[in-house]
Amino acid sequence: MSAAGRRYPDAMLDVLVYENVLVAWRRTPLGGYLIVSHEGEEIRLTAHHADVWTRGAFAVYLALVDARRITPRIPGDPAQK
């Protein structure tokens, strides 16, 4: 995967951590990913599997936002005050 292609899963994982959907994530050697859930589970994925997993998790997050089941924590959003 090119460096440009890795930016999107990284950005989506950053949002999922910021929104408290995940605890943490990091890259592992050889281009893999380690994702930590709130249950303490460490999910080790290849870059391809991380891309697919992240897109799915992000789609669920966006669906919950669209359905108004959760409210995103957007920095500087005056509606959240």
Protein backbone atom coordinates (compact mmCIF):
# COMPACT_ATOMS: atom_id res chain seq x y z
CA MET A 1 0.00 0.00 0.00
CA SER A 2 1.35 3.42 -0.88
CA ALA A 3 1.95 6.08 1.74
CA ALA A 4 -0.94 8.09 0.31
CA GLY A 5 -3.25 5.09 0.60
CA ARG A 6 -2.39 4.61 4.27
CA ARG A 7 -3.48 8.11 5.21
CA TYR A 8 -7.20 7.39 5.06
CA PRO A 9 -7.29 4.38 7.40
CA ASP A 10 -4.94 6.24 9.76
CA ALA A 11 -7.21 9.29 9.77
CA MET A 12 -10.32 7.15 10.29
CA LEU A 13 -8.65 5.30 13.17
CA ASP A 14 -7.66 8.65 14.70
CA VAL A 15 -11.30 9.78 14.57
CA LEU A 16 -12.51 6.51 16.09
CA VAL A 17 -10.06 6.94 18.99
CA TYR A 18 -10.96 10.63 19.39
CA GLU A 19 -14.67 9.72 19.45
CA ASN A 20 -13.92 7.04 22.09
CA VAL A 21 -14.99 4.15 19.85
CA LEU A 22 -11.52 2.60 20.20
CA VAL A 23 -8.91 2.89 22.93
CA ALA A 24 -5.85 3.09 20.70
CA TRP A 25 -4.16 1.98 17.52
CA ARG A 26 -0.64 1.88 16.15
CA ARG A 27 1.27 0.60 13.19
CA THR A 28 3.25 -2.60 13.60
CA PRO A 29 6.37 -3.77 11.78
CA LEU A 30 5.90 -4.78 8.15
CA GLY A 31 2.99 -2.38 7.67
CA GLY A 32 0.43 -4.03 9.92
CA TYR A 33 -1.84 -2.48 12.53
CA LEU A 34 -2.64 -3.11 16.17
CA ILE A 35 -6.05 -1.89 17.30
CA VAL A 36 -7.08 -1.91 20.97
CA SER A 37 -10.78 -2.22 21.88
CA HIS A 38 -12.45 -1.07 25.09
CA GLU A 39 -12.64 -4.69 26.18
CA GLY A 40 -8.83 -4.76 26.12
CA GLU A 41 -8.72 -6.94 23.03
CA GLU A 42 -5.69 -6.36 20.81
CA ILE A 43 -6.60 -6.85 17.18
CA ARG A 44 -3.59 -7.42 14.90
CA LEU A 45 -4.32 -6.87 11.23
CA THR A 46 -2.45 -6.68 7.96
CA ALA A 47 -2.65 -3.33 6.17
CA HIS A 48 -5.33 -4.67 3.82
CA HIS A 49 -7.45 -6.15 6.61
CA ALA A 50 -7.03 -2.99 8.68
CA ASP A 51 -8.28 -0.95 5.73
CA VAL A 52 -11.39 -3.12 5.36
CA TRP A 53 -12.01 -3.28 9.13
CA THR A 54 -11.55 0.47 9.55
CA ARG A 55 -13.90 1.32 6.68
CA GLY A 56 -16.55 -0.92 8.23
CA ALA A 57 -16.11 0.48 11.74
CA PHE A 58 -16.17 4.03 10.40
CA ALA A 59 -19.34 3.29 8.38
CA VAL A 60 -21.05 2.03 11.54
CA TYR A 61 -19.89 5.14 13.43
CA LEU A 62 -21.28 7.43 10.68
CA ALA A 63 -24.56 5.48 10.59
CA LEU A 64 -24.97 5.99 14.34
CA VAL A 65 -24.28 9.70 13.93
CA ASP A 66 -26.77 9.93 11.04
CA ALA A 67 -29.40 8.12 13.10
CA ARG A 68 -28.71 10.57 15.96
CA ARG A 69 -27.89 7.65 18.28
CA ILE A 70 -24.57 9.33 19.13
CA THR A 71 -23.34 12.90 18.89
CA PRO A 72 -19.84 13.47 17.51
CA ARG A 73 -17.41 15.53 19.58
CA ILE A 74 -16.44 18.06 16.94
CA PRO A 75 -13.91 20.58 18.29
CA GLY A 76 -15.27 24.12 18.27
CA ASP A 77 -18.85 23.05 17.48
CA PRO A 78 -21.08 25.70 19.11
CA ALA A 79 -24.05 23.30 19.13
CA GLN A 80 -22.32 21.19 21.78
CA LYS A 81 -22.22 23.91 24.41
